[in-house]
């Protein structure tokens, strides 16, 4: 199961992960299917019954950061829900998206 921000639980939906990765990697040299398989395996290998969606998002960001900076910035900008351009630009310049909340 995944635990959403509001505390509700639902079955892991691979299609949702793939969709988010595909949007971030559009027209980029990244295999979205392969990356989704990697994330899914990481979740399964954790042997945890419940995984917060926040952790899944962090896994995706780490994987994208290693593969492609543009895809990483695309995903992080949506995932982190930036409120203004200054915050986005500051973090993009520092590449420290994973350190924000």
Protein backbone atom coordinates (compact mmCIF):
# COMPACT_ATOMS: atom_id res chain seq x y z
CA UNK A 1 0.00 0.00 0.00
CA UNK A 2 0.95 3.64 -0.35
CA UNK A 3 0.05 6.21 2.27
CA UNK A 4 -1.11 9.50 0.81
CA UNK A 5 -0.57 12.96 2.31
CA UNK A 6 -4.03 12.89 3.89
CA UNK A 7 -3.24 9.57 5.59
CA UNK A 8 -5.45 7.45 3.36
CA UNK A 9 -4.07 4.19 1.97
CA UNK A 10 -4.41 2.74 -1.49
CA UNK A 11 -2.78 0.01 -3.51
CA UNK A 12 0.46 0.90 -5.24
CA UNK A 13 -0.38 2.03 -8.76
CA UNK A 14 2.53 1.52 -11.12
CA UNK A 15 0.70 3.46 -13.83
CA UNK A 16 0.74 6.63 -11.70
CA UNK A 17 4.50 6.37 -11.20
CA UNK A 18 5.04 5.70 -14.91
CA UNK A 19 2.81 8.64 -15.88
CA UNK A 20 4.75 11.08 -13.68
CA UNK A 21 8.07 9.83 -14.97
CA UNK A 22 6.90 9.95 -18.59
CA UNK A 23 5.84 13.59 -18.21
CA UNK A 24 9.22 14.51 -16.72
CA UNK A 25 11.23 12.58 -19.31
CA UNK A 26 9.29 13.61 -22.41
CA UNK A 27 11.75 14.20 -25.28
CA UNK A 28 14.65 13.30 -22.97
CA UNK A 29 17.07 10.37 -23.35
CA UNK A 30 15.61 8.48 -20.38
CA UNK A 31 13.77 5.16 -20.48
CA UNK A 32 10.66 5.84 -18.37
CA UNK A 33 9.69 2.17 -18.27
CA UNK A 34 13.12 1.15 -16.98
CA UNK A 35 13.09 3.87 -14.35
CA UNK A 36 9.58 2.85 -13.25
CA UNK A 37 10.77 -0.75 -12.91
CA UNK A 38 13.65 0.49 -10.76
CA UNK A 39 11.31 2.43 -8.45
CA UNK A 40 8.86 -0.47 -8.21
CA UNK A 41 11.68 -2.89 -7.34
CA UNK A 42 13.01 -0.50 -4.70
CA UNK A 43 9.56 -0.34 -3.09
CA UNK A 44 9.13 -4.13 -3.19
CA UNK A 45 12.63 -4.74 -1.85
CA UNK A 46 11.94 -2.50 1.13
CA UNK A 47 9.60 -5.24 2.40
CA UNK A 48 7.44 -2.57 3.99
CA UNK A 49 3.70 -2.94 3.98
CA UNK A 50 3.06 0.81 3.72
CA UNK A 51 5.20 3.35 1.84
CA UNK A 52 4.36 7.06 2.03
CA UNK A 53 3.85 8.76 -1.34
CA UNK A 54 6.42 11.32 -0.19
CA UNK A 55 9.07 8.59 -0.13
CA UNK A 56 8.07 7.40 -3.58
CA UNK A 57 8.41 10.96 -4.89
CA UNK A 58 11.86 11.22 -3.29
CA UNK A 59 12.90 7.91 -4.89
CA UNK A 60 11.82 9.21 -8.28
CA UNK A 61 13.68 12.50 -7.81
CA UNK A 62 16.89 10.72 -6.80
CA UNK A 63 16.68 8.40 -9.81
CA UNK A 64 15.96 11.27 -12.22
CA UNK A 65 18.76 13.37 -10.77
CA UNK A 66 21.22 10.58 -11.60
CA UNK A 67 19.83 10.10 -15.12
CA UNK A 68 18.93 13.53 -16.48
CA UNK A 69 19.02 17.00 -14.90
CA UNK A 70 16.24 18.40 -17.12
CA UNK A 71 13.86 15.57 -16.26
CA UNK A 72 14.81 15.99 -12.61
CA UNK A 73 13.97 19.70 -12.64
CA UNK A 74 10.68 19.04 -14.45
CA UNK A 75 9.59 16.43 -11.93
CA UNK A 76 10.80 18.37 -8.90
CA UNK A 77 9.06 21.56 -10.00
CA UNK A 78 5.69 19.81 -10.07
CA UNK A 79 6.33 17.51 -7.11
CA UNK A 80 7.47 20.32 -4.81
CA UNK A 81 4.62 22.64 -5.86
CA UNK A 82 6.70 25.79 -5.92
CA UNK A 83 4.74 28.88 -4.92
CA UNK A 84 6.83 31.41 -6.85
CA UNK A 85 9.50 31.62 -9.51
CA UNK A 86 12.17 32.94 -7.13
CA UNK A 87 12.02 29.81 -4.97
CA UNK A 88 12.17 27.62 -8.06
CA UNK A 89 15.12 29.51 -9.55
CA UNK A 90 17.04 29.52 -6.28
CA UNK A 91 16.63 25.79 -5.90
CA UNK A 92 17.32 25.09 -9.56
CA UNK A 93 20.58 27.00 -9.34
CA UNK A 94 21.58 25.10 -6.20
CA UNK A 95 20.14 21.77 -7.37
CA UNK A 96 18.91 21.18 -3.84
CA UNK A 97 15.30 20.20 -4.46
CA UNK A 98 15.55 17.20 -2.16
CA UNK A 99 16.36 19.45 0.80
CA UNK A 100 13.12 21.46 0.68
CA UNK A 101 9.77 20.91 2.33
